Amino acid sequence: MGKKWAICVVTFLGRNGALRFGPIQRSLPGVSPATLTSTLRALEREALVRRVRASKDPGSPLAYELTDSGATLYRSLLPLAGWLRRA
């Protein structure tokens, strides 16, 4: 979670569910593809995000979604996000 974009990715996936790389990147202006890839890999290593198929078709593209731990982290970030909006 030490990476700059990690909280943004967790929050975005928490709000939107499983998404492919492109939509995640478009939602985070200023993040480069290399940085987003690095962030997603770090979140995978920390078991906060996992790769899944976008559909049941074995040839379908990969998407990213929060694990149970990632969803717990997302829910714990909500009060902080509310506080930041009010500040």
PDB file of N, CA and C in Angstrom:
ATOM      1  N   MET A   1       0.809  -1.201   0.000  1.00  0.00           N
ATOM      2  CA  MET A   1       0.000   0.000   0.000  1.00  0.00           C
ATOM      3  C   MET A   1       0.847   1.257   0.000  1.00  0.00           C
ATOM      4  N   GLY A   2       2.157   1.115  -0.038  1.00  0.00           N
ATOM      5  CA  GLY A   2       3.017   2.280   0.008  1.00  0.00           C
ATOM      6  C   GLY A   2       3.095   3.047  -1.301  1.00  0.00           C
ATOM      7  N   LYS A   3       2.597   2.471  -2.378  1.00  0.00           N
ATOM      8  CA  LYS A   3       2.669   3.163  -3.661  1.00  0.00           C
ATOM      9  C   LYS A   3       1.615   4.260  -3.745  1.00  0.00           C
ATOM     10  N   LYS A   4       1.981   5.316  -4.429  1.00  0.00           N
ATOM     11  CA  LYS A   4       1.128   6.506  -4.536  1.00  0.00           C
ATOM     12  C   LYS A   4      -0.258   6.181  -5.082  1.00  0.00           C
ATOM     13  N   TRP A   5      -0.341   5.326  -6.079  1.00  0.00           N
ATOM     14  CA  TRP A   5      -1.607   5.079  -6.757  1.00  0.00           C
ATOM     15  C   TRP A   5      -2.406   3.930  -6.149  1.00  0.00           C
ATOM     16  N   ALA A   6      -1.863   3.226  -5.175  1.00  0.00           N
ATOM     17  CA  ALA A   6      -2.519   2.033  -4.638  1.00  0.00           C
ATOM     18  C   ALA A   6      -3.894   2.348  -4.052  1.00  0.00           C
ATOM     19  N   ILE A   7      -3.991   3.396  -3.259  1.00  0.00           N
ATOM     20  CA  ILE A   7      -5.281   3.738  -2.649  1.00  0.00           C
ATOM     21  C   ILE A   7      -6.289   4.136  -3.727  1.00  0.00           C
ATOM     22  N   CYS A   8      -5.829   4.816  -4.751  1.00  0.00           N
ATOM     23  CA  CYS A   8      -6.724   5.197  -5.853  1.00  0.00           C
ATOM     24  C   CYS A   8      -7.272   3.956  -6.560  1.00  0.00           C
ATOM     25  N   VAL A   9      -6.411   2.977  -6.820  1.00  0.00           N
ATOM     26  CA  VAL A   9      -6.837   1.758  -7.502  1.00  0.00           C
ATOM     27  C   VAL A   9      -7.812   0.983  -6.619  1.00  0.00           C
ATOM     28  N   VAL A  10      -7.490   0.812  -5.348  1.00  0.00           N
ATOM     29  CA  VAL A  10      -8.382   0.086  -4.428  1.00  0.00           C
ATOM     30  C   VAL A  10      -9.732   0.778  -4.359  1.00  0.00           C
ATOM     31  N   THR A  11      -9.738   2.084  -4.254  1.00  0.00           N
ATOM     32  CA  THR A  11     -10.988   2.831  -4.175  1.00  0.00           C
ATOM     33  C   THR A  11     -11.796   2.690  -5.462  1.00  0.00           C
ATOM     34  N   PHE A  12     -11.142   2.800  -6.604  1.00  0.00           N
ATOM     35  CA  PHE A  12     -11.852   2.705  -7.880  1.00  0.00           C
ATOM     36  C   PHE A  12     -12.446   1.313  -8.070  1.00  0.00           C
ATOM     37  N   LEU A  13     -11.670   0.265  -7.779  1.00  0.00           N
ATOM     38  CA  LEU A  13     -12.201  -1.091  -7.918  1.00  0.00           C
ATOM     39  C   LEU A  13     -13.300  -1.360  -6.891  1.00  0.00           C
ATOM     40  N   GLY A  14     -13.172  -0.781  -5.718  1.00  0.00           N
ATOM     41  CA  GLY A  14     -14.215  -0.945  -4.702  1.00  0.00           C
ATOM     42  C   GLY A  14     -15.540  -0.345  -5.144  1.00  0.00           C
ATOM     43  N   ARG A  15     -15.480   0.767  -5.835  1.00  0.00           N
ATOM     44  CA  ARG A  15     -16.697   1.437  -6.318  1.00  0.00           C
ATOM     45  C   ARG A  15     -17.288   0.764  -7.548  1.00  0.00           C
ATOM     46  N   ASN A  16     -16.419   0.200  -8.398  1.00  0.00           N
ATOM     47  CA  ASN A  16     -16.859  -0.239  -9.723  1.00  0.00           C
ATOM     48  C   ASN A  16     -16.810  -1.730  -9.973  1.00  0.00           C
ATOM     49  N   GLY A  17     -16.237  -2.509  -9.088  1.00  0.00           N
ATOM     50  CA  GLY A  17     -16.129  -3.950  -9.326  1.00  0.00           C
ATOM     51  C   GLY A  17     -15.010  -4.276 -10.287  1.00  0.00           C
ATOM     52  N   ALA A  18     -15.045  -5.473 -10.847  1.00  0.00           N
ATOM     53  CA  ALA A  18     -13.982  -5.948 -11.732  1.00  0.00           C
ATOM     54  C   ALA A  18     -13.914  -5.110 -13.006  1.00  0.00           C
ATOM     55  N   LEU A  19     -12.697  -4.683 -13.344  1.00  0.00           N
ATOM     56  CA  LEU A  19     -12.486  -3.864 -14.547  1.00  0.00           C
ATOM     57  C   LEU A  19     -11.194  -4.257 -15.230  1.00  0.00           C
ATOM     58  N   ARG A  20     -11.163  -4.020 -16.521  1.00  0.00           N
ATOM     59  CA  ARG A  20      -9.946  -4.252 -17.294  1.00  0.00           C
ATOM     60  C   ARG A  20      -8.976  -3.086 -17.091  1.00  0.00           C
ATOM     61  N   PHE A  21      -7.751  -3.298 -17.549  1.00  0.00           N
ATOM     62  CA  PHE A  21      -6.669  -2.335 -17.367  1.00  0.00           C
ATOM     63  C   PHE A  21      -7.032  -0.961 -17.941  1.00  0.00           C
ATOM     64  N   GLY A  22      -7.544  -0.922 -19.164  1.00  0.00           N
ATOM     65  CA  GLY A  22      -7.838   0.346 -19.843  1.00  0.00           C
ATOM     66  C   GLY A  22      -8.770   1.255 -19.055  1.00  0.00           C
ATOM     67  N   PRO A  23      -9.932   0.756 -18.633  1.00  0.00           N
ATOM     68  CA  PRO A  23     -10.824   1.606 -17.850  1.00  0.00           C
ATOM     69  C   PRO A  23     -10.205   2.087 -16.540  1.00  0.00           C
ATOM     70  N   ILE A  24      -9.396   1.233 -15.922  1.00  0.00           N
ATOM     71  CA  ILE A  24      -8.733   1.665 -14.690  1.00  0.00           C
ATOM     72  C   ILE A  24      -7.802   2.828 -15.002  1.00  0.00           C
ATOM     73  N   GLN A  25      -7.014   2.678 -16.054  1.00  0.00           N
ATOM     74  CA  GLN A  25      -6.061   3.736 -16.404  1.00  0.00           C
ATOM     75  C   GLN A  25      -6.772   5.031 -16.776  1.00  0.00           C
ATOM     76  N   ARG A  26      -7.847   4.931 -17.535  1.00  0.00           N
ATOM     77  CA  ARG A  26      -8.581   6.148 -17.934  1.00  0.00           C
ATOM     78  C   ARG A  26      -9.194   6.861 -16.730  1.00  0.00           C
ATOM     79  N   SER A  27      -9.487   6.107 -15.688  1.00  0.00           N
ATOM     80  CA  SER A  27     -10.108   6.724 -14.509  1.00  0.00           C
ATOM     81  C   SER A  27      -9.096   7.448 -13.631  1.00  0.00           C
ATOM     82  N   LEU A  28      -7.811   7.214 -13.869  1.00  0.00           N
ATOM     83  CA  LEU A  28      -6.758   7.800 -13.039  1.00  0.00           C
ATOM     84  C   LEU A  28      -5.857   8.694 -13.891  1.00  0.00           C
ATOM     85  N   PRO A  29      -6.297   9.910 -14.191  1.00  0.00           N
ATOM     86  CA  PRO A  29      -5.489  10.798 -15.020  1.00  0.00           C
ATOM     87  C   PRO A  29      -4.113  11.010 -14.391  1.00  0.00           C
ATOM     88  N   GLY A  30      -3.099  10.900 -15.207  1.00  0.00           N
ATOM     89  CA  GLY A  30      -1.744  11.143 -14.734  1.00  0.00           C
ATOM     90  C   GLY A  30      -0.952   9.890 -14.439  1.00  0.00           C
ATOM     91  N   VAL A  31      -1.611   8.730 -14.371  1.00  0.00           N
ATOM     92  CA  VAL A  31      -0.868   7.497 -14.108  1.00  0.00           C
ATOM     93  C   VAL A  31      -0.413   6.913 -15.443  1.00  0.00           C
ATOM     94  N   SER A  32       0.862   6.548 -15.519  1.00  0.00           N
ATOM     95  CA  SER A  32       1.384   5.947 -16.744  1.00  0.00           C
ATOM     96  C   SER A  32       1.043   4.460 -16.757  1.00  0.00           C
ATOM     97  N   PRO A  33       1.030   3.841 -17.930  1.00  0.00           N
ATOM     98  CA  PRO A  33       0.776   2.397 -17.994  1.00  0.00           C
ATOM     99  C   PRO A  33       1.769   1.595 -17.150  1.00  0.00           C
ATOM    100  N   ALA A  34       3.033   1.984 -17.177  1.00  0.00           N
ATOM    101  CA  ALA A  34       4.043   1.253 -16.398  1.00  0.00           C
ATOM    102  C   ALA A  34       3.788   1.383 -14.901  1.00  0.00           C
ATOM    103  N   THR A  35       3.413   2.561 -14.464  1.00  0.00           N
ATOM    104  CA  THR A  35       3.128   2.776 -13.044  1.00  0.00           C
ATOM    105  C   THR A  35       1.892   1.999 -12.621  1.00  0.00           C
ATOM    106  N   LEU A  36       0.857   2.004 -13.443  1.00  0.00           N
ATOM    107  CA  LEU A  36      -0.356   1.262 -13.108  1.00  0.00           C
ATOM    108  C   LEU A  36      -0.070  -0.237 -13.064  1.00  0.00           C
ATOM    109  N   THR A  37       0.693  -0.726 -14.021  1.00  0.00           N
ATOM    110  CA  THR A  37       1.069  -2.144 -14.017  1.00  0.00           C
ATOM    111  C   THR A  37       1.812  -2.494 -12.742  1.00  0.00           C
ATOM    112  N   SER A  38       2.772  -1.674 -12.374  1.00  0.00           N
ATOM    113  CA  SER A  38       3.543  -1.899 -11.156  1.00  0.00           C
ATOM    114  C   SER A  38       2.645  -1.875  -9.917  1.00  0.00           C
ATOM    115  N   THR A  39       1.722  -0.944  -9.878  1.00  0.00           N
ATOM    116  CA  THR A  39       0.807  -0.830  -8.739  1.00  0.00           C
ATOM    117  C   THR A  39      -0.096  -2.051  -8.650  1.00  0.00           C
ATOM    118  N   LEU A  40      -0.666  -2.469  -9.784  1.00  0.00           N
ATOM    119  CA  LEU A  40      -1.536  -3.643  -9.777  1.00  0.00           C
ATOM    120  C   LEU A  40      -0.769  -4.894  -9.349  1.00  0.00           C
ATOM    121  N   ARG A  41       0.459  -5.049  -9.824  1.00  0.00           N
ATOM    122  CA  ARG A  41       1.266  -6.209  -9.421  1.00  0.00           C
ATOM    123  C   ARG A  41       1.562  -6.181  -7.927  1.00  0.00           C
ATOM    124  N   ALA A  42       1.865  -5.004  -7.392  1.00  0.00           N
ATOM    125  CA  ALA A  42       2.126  -4.894  -5.956  1.00  0.00           C
ATOM    126  C   ALA A  42       0.868  -5.239  -5.155  1.00  0.00           C
ATOM    127  N   LEU A  43      -0.280  -4.769  -5.601  1.00  0.00           N
ATOM    128  CA  LEU A  43      -1.530  -5.081  -4.916  1.00  0.00           C
ATOM    129  C   LEU A  43      -1.853  -6.572  -5.007  1.00  0.00           C
ATOM    130  N   GLU A  44      -1.485  -7.200  -6.128  1.00  0.00           N
ATOM    131  CA  GLU A  44      -1.655  -8.654  -6.248  1.00  0.00           C
ATOM    132  C   GLU A  44      -0.753  -9.386  -5.255  1.00  0.00           C
ATOM    133  N   ARG A  45       0.495  -8.954  -5.150  1.00  0.00           N
ATOM    134  CA  ARG A  45       1.422  -9.584  -4.204  1.00  0.00           C
ATOM    135  C   ARG A  45       0.925  -9.454  -2.768  1.00  0.00           C
ATOM    136  N   GLU A  46       0.276  -8.357  -2.473  1.00  0.00           N
ATOM    137  CA  GLU A  46      -0.252  -8.120  -1.132  1.00  0.00           C
ATOM    138  C   GLU A  46      -1.627  -8.764  -0.936  1.00  0.00           C
ATOM    139  N   ALA A  47      -2.092  -9.484  -1.964  1.00  0.00           N
ATOM    140  CA  ALA A  47      -3.384 -10.194  -1.933  1.00  0.00           C
ATOM    141  C   ALA A  47      -4.569  -9.254  -1.723  1.00  0.00           C
ATOM    142  N   LEU A  48      -4.477  -8.058  -2.290  1.00  0.00           N
ATOM    143  CA  LEU A  48      -5.583  -7.095  -2.223  1.00  0.00           C
ATOM    144  C   LEU A  48      -6.371  -7.052  -3.533  1.00  0.00           C
ATOM    145  N   VAL A  49      -5.711  -7.460  -4.626  1.00  0.00           N
ATOM    146  CA  VAL A  49      -6.313  -7.467  -5.959  1.00  0.00           C
ATOM    147  C   VAL A  49      -5.974  -8.807  -6.603  1.00  0.00           C
ATOM    148  N   ARG A  50      -6.896  -9.305  -7.416  1.00  0.00           N
ATOM    149  CA  ARG A  50      -6.617 -10.531  -8.186  1.00  0.00           C
ATOM    150  C   ARG A  50      -7.063 -10.324  -9.626  1.00  0.00           C
ATOM    151  N   ARG A  51      -6.422 -11.062 -10.506  1.00  0.00           N
ATOM    152  CA  ARG A  51      -6.813 -11.051 -11.919  1.00  0.00           C
ATOM    153  C   ARG A  51      -7.881 -12.110 -12.148  1.00  0.00           C
ATOM    154  N   VAL A  52      -8.887 -11.758 -12.893  1.00  0.00           N
ATOM    155  CA  VAL A  52      -9.971 -12.675 -13.231  1.00  0.00           C
ATOM    156  C   VAL A  52     -10.298 -12.517 -14.713  1.00  0.00           C
ATOM    157  N   ARG A  53     -10.957 -13.499 -15.276  1.00  0.00           N
ATOM    158  CA  ARG A  53     -11.436 -13.376 -16.658  1.00  0.00           C
ATOM    159  C   ARG A  53     -12.656 -12.462 -16.671  1.00  0.00           C
ATOM    160  N   ALA A  54     -12.748 -11.624 -17.682  1.00  0.00           N
ATOM    161  CA  ALA A  54     -13.860 -10.684 -17.787  1.00  0.00           C
ATOM    162  C   ALA A  54     -15.190 -11.418 -18.008  1.00  0.00           C
ATOM    163  N   SER A  55     -15.124 -12.629 -18.557  1.00  0.00           N
ATOM    164  CA  SER A  55     -16.321 -13.459 -18.725  1.00  0.00           C
ATOM    165  C   SER A  55     -15.911 -14.915 -18.567  1.00  0.00           C
ATOM    166  N   LYS A  56     -16.856 -15.808 -18.664  1.00  0.00           N
ATOM    167  CA  LYS A  56     -16.565 -17.237 -18.483  1.00  0.00           C
ATOM    168  C   LYS A  56     -15.802 -17.825 -19.667  1.00  0.00           C
ATOM    169  N   ASP A  57     -15.785 -17.134 -20.778  1.00  0.00           N
ATOM    170  CA  ASP A  57     -15.059 -17.601 -21.964  1.00  0.00           C
ATOM    171  C   ASP A  57     -13.565 -17.643 -21.662  1.00  0.00           C
ATOM    172  N   PRO A  58     -12.900 -18.794 -21.862  1.00  0.00           N
ATOM    173  CA  PRO A  58     -11.467 -18.894 -21.539  1.00  0.00           C
ATOM    174  C   PRO A  58     -10.592 -17.909 -22.318  1.00  0.00           C
ATOM    175  N   GLY A  59     -11.055 -17.439 -23.450  1.00  0.00           N
ATOM    176  CA  GLY A  59     -10.283 -16.483 -24.237  1.00  0.00           C
ATOM    177  C   GLY A  59     -10.577 -15.031 -23.910  1.00  0.00           C
ATOM    178  N   SER A  60     -11.444 -14.807 -22.943  1.00  0.00           N
ATOM    179  CA  SER A  60     -11.808 -13.426 -22.623  1.00  0.00           C
ATOM    180  C   SER A  60     -10.641 -12.708 -21.951  1.00  0.00           C
ATOM    181  N   PRO A  61     -10.613 -11.396 -22.068  1.00  0.00           N
ATOM    182  CA  PRO A  61      -9.507 -10.631 -21.472  1.00  0.00           C
ATOM    183  C   PRO A  61      -9.552 -10.670 -19.949  1.00  0.00           C
ATOM    184  N   LEU A  62      -8.410 -10.346 -19.371  1.00  0.00           N
ATOM    185  CA  LEU A  62      -8.312 -10.311 -17.918  1.00  0.00           C
ATOM    186  C   LEU A  62      -8.855  -9.005 -17.362  1.00  0.00           C
ATOM    187  N   ALA A  63      -9.396  -9.097 -16.193  1.00  0.00           N
ATOM    188  CA  ALA A  63      -9.863  -7.922 -15.450  1.00  0.00           C
ATOM    189  C   ALA A  63      -9.256  -8.014 -14.055  1.00  0.00           C
ATOM    190  N   TYR A  64      -9.369  -6.948 -13.314  1.00  0.00           N
ATOM    191  CA  TYR A  64      -8.868  -6.899 -11.942  1.00  0.00           C
ATOM    192  C   TYR A  64     -10.037  -6.656 -11.011  1.00  0.00           C
ATOM    193  N   GLU A  65     -10.014  -7.349  -9.862  1.00  0.00           N
ATOM    194  CA  GLU A  65     -11.042  -7.131  -8.853  1.00  0.00           C
ATOM    195  C   GLU A  65     -10.407  -7.221  -7.475  1.00  0.00           C
ATOM    196  N   LEU A  66     -11.096  -6.664  -6.489  1.00  0.00           N
ATOM    197  CA  LEU A  66     -10.607  -6.726  -5.116  1.00  0.00           C
ATOM    198  C   LEU A  66     -10.812  -8.121  -4.551  1.00  0.00           C
ATOM    199  N   THR A  67      -9.868  -8.566  -3.756  1.00  0.00           N
ATOM    200  CA  THR A  67     -10.042  -9.781  -2.975  1.00  0.00           C
ATOM    201  C   THR A  67     -10.882  -9.425  -1.750  1.00  0.00           C
ATOM    202  N   ASP A  68     -11.164 -10.403  -0.911  1.00  0.00           N
ATOM    203  CA  ASP A  68     -11.891 -10.106   0.332  1.00  0.00           C
ATOM    204  C   ASP A  68     -11.101  -9.118   1.185  1.00  0.00           C
ATOM    205  N   SER A  69      -9.778  -9.297   1.244  1.00  0.00           N
ATOM    206  CA  SER A  69      -8.942  -8.361   2.008  1.00  0.00           C
ATOM    207  C   SER A  69      -8.973  -6.971   1.388  1.00  0.00           C
ATOM    208  N   GLY A  70      -8.952  -6.912   0.065  1.00  0.00           N
ATOM    209  CA  GLY A  70      -9.030  -5.627  -0.616  1.00  0.00           C
ATOM    210  C   GLY A  70     -10.357  -4.939  -0.364  1.00  0.00           C
ATOM    211  N   ALA A  71     -11.449  -5.715  -0.346  1.00  0.00           N
ATOM    212  CA  ALA A  71     -12.770  -5.141  -0.069  1.00  0.00           C
ATOM    213  C   ALA A  71     -12.837  -4.616   1.367  1.00  0.00           C
ATOM    214  N   THR A  72     -12.205  -5.335   2.294  1.00  0.00           N
ATOM    215  CA  THR A  72     -12.158  -4.862   3.681  1.00  0.00           C
ATOM    216  C   THR A  72     -11.390  -3.551   3.766  1.00  0.00           C
ATOM    217  N   LEU A  73     -10.260  -3.479   3.053  1.00  0.00           N
ATOM    218  CA  LEU A  73      -9.483  -2.240   3.023  1.00  0.00           C
ATOM    219  C   LEU A  73     -10.313  -1.113   2.429  1.00  0.00           C
ATOM    220  N   TYR A  74     -11.006  -1.376   1.336  1.00  0.00           N
ATOM    221  CA  TYR A  74     -11.850  -0.359   0.707  1.00  0.00           C
ATOM    222  C   TYR A  74     -12.881   0.183   1.704  1.00  0.00           C
ATOM    223  N   ARG A  75     -13.552  -0.717   2.402  1.00  0.00           N
ATOM    224  CA  ARG A  75     -14.567  -0.267   3.370  1.00  0.00           C
ATOM    225  C   ARG A  75     -13.943   0.561   4.492  1.00  0.00           C
ATOM    226  N   SER A  76     -12.712   0.230   4.861  1.00  0.00           N
ATOM    227  CA  SER A  76     -12.064   1.012   5.921  1.00  0.00           C
ATOM    228  C   SER A  76     -11.587   2.370   5.412  1.00  0.00           C
ATOM    229  N   LEU A  77     -11.415   2.515   4.110  1.00  0.00           N
ATOM    230  CA  LEU A  77     -10.998   3.795   3.532  1.00  0.00           C
ATOM    231  C   LEU A  77     -12.163   4.768   3.358  1.00  0.00           C
ATOM    232  N   LEU A  78     -13.383   4.269   3.357  1.00  0.00           N
ATOM    233  CA  LEU A  78     -14.544   5.135   3.119  1.00  0.00           C
ATOM    234  C   LEU A  78     -14.661   6.277   4.119  1.00  0.00           C
ATOM    235  N   PRO A  79     -14.486   6.040   5.435  1.00  0.00           N
ATOM    236  CA  PRO A  79     -14.553   7.184   6.364  1.00  0.00           C
ATOM    237  C   PRO A  79     -13.468   8.229   6.081  1.00  0.00           C
ATOM    238  N   LEU A  80     -12.285   7.775   5.715  1.00  0.00           N
ATOM    239  CA  LEU A  80     -11.213   8.713   5.382  1.00  0.00           C
ATOM    240  C   LEU A  80     -11.588   9.536   4.156  1.00  0.00           C
ATOM    241  N   ALA A  81     -12.142   8.878   3.139  1.00  0.00           N
ATOM    242  CA  ALA A  81     -12.546   9.606   1.932  1.00  0.00           C
ATOM    243  C   ALA A  81     -13.622  10.639   2.261  1.00  0.00           C
ATOM    244  N   GLY A  82     -14.565  10.274   3.121  1.00  0.00           N
ATOM    245  CA  GLY A  82     -15.609  11.232   3.523  1.00  0.00           C
ATOM    246  C   GLY A  82     -15.007  12.416   4.260  1.00  0.00           C
ATOM    247  N   TRP A  83     -14.065  12.158   5.125  1.00  0.00           N
ATOM    248  CA  TRP A  83     -13.408  13.227   5.862  1.00  0.00           C
ATOM    249  C   TRP A  83     -12.667  14.158   4.906  1.00  0.00           C
ATOM    250  N   LEU A  84     -11.986  13.575   3.908  1.00  0.00           N
ATOM    251  CA  LEU A  84     -11.240  14.392   2.952  1.00  0.00           C
ATOM    252  C   LEU A  84     -12.170  15.285   2.132  1.00  0.00           C
ATOM    253  N   ARG A  85     -13.346  14.760   1.790  1.00  0.00           N
ATOM    254  CA  ARG A  85     -14.310  15.578   1.038  1.00  0.00           C
ATOM    255  C   ARG A  85     -14.823  16.749   1.864  1.00  0.00           C
ATOM    256  N   ARG A  86     -14.976  16.543   3.175  1.00  0.00           N
ATOM    257  CA  ARG A  86     -15.478  17.602   4.037  1.00  0.00           C
ATOM    258  C   ARG A  86     -14.388  18.619   4.409  1.00  0.00           C
ATOM    259  N   ALA A  87     -13.137  18.211   4.364  1.00  0.00           N
ATOM    260  CA  ALA A  87     -12.032  19.093   4.779  1.00  0.00           C
ATOM    261  C   ALA A  87     -11.761  20.190   3.785  1.00  0.00           C
TER     262      ALA A  87
END
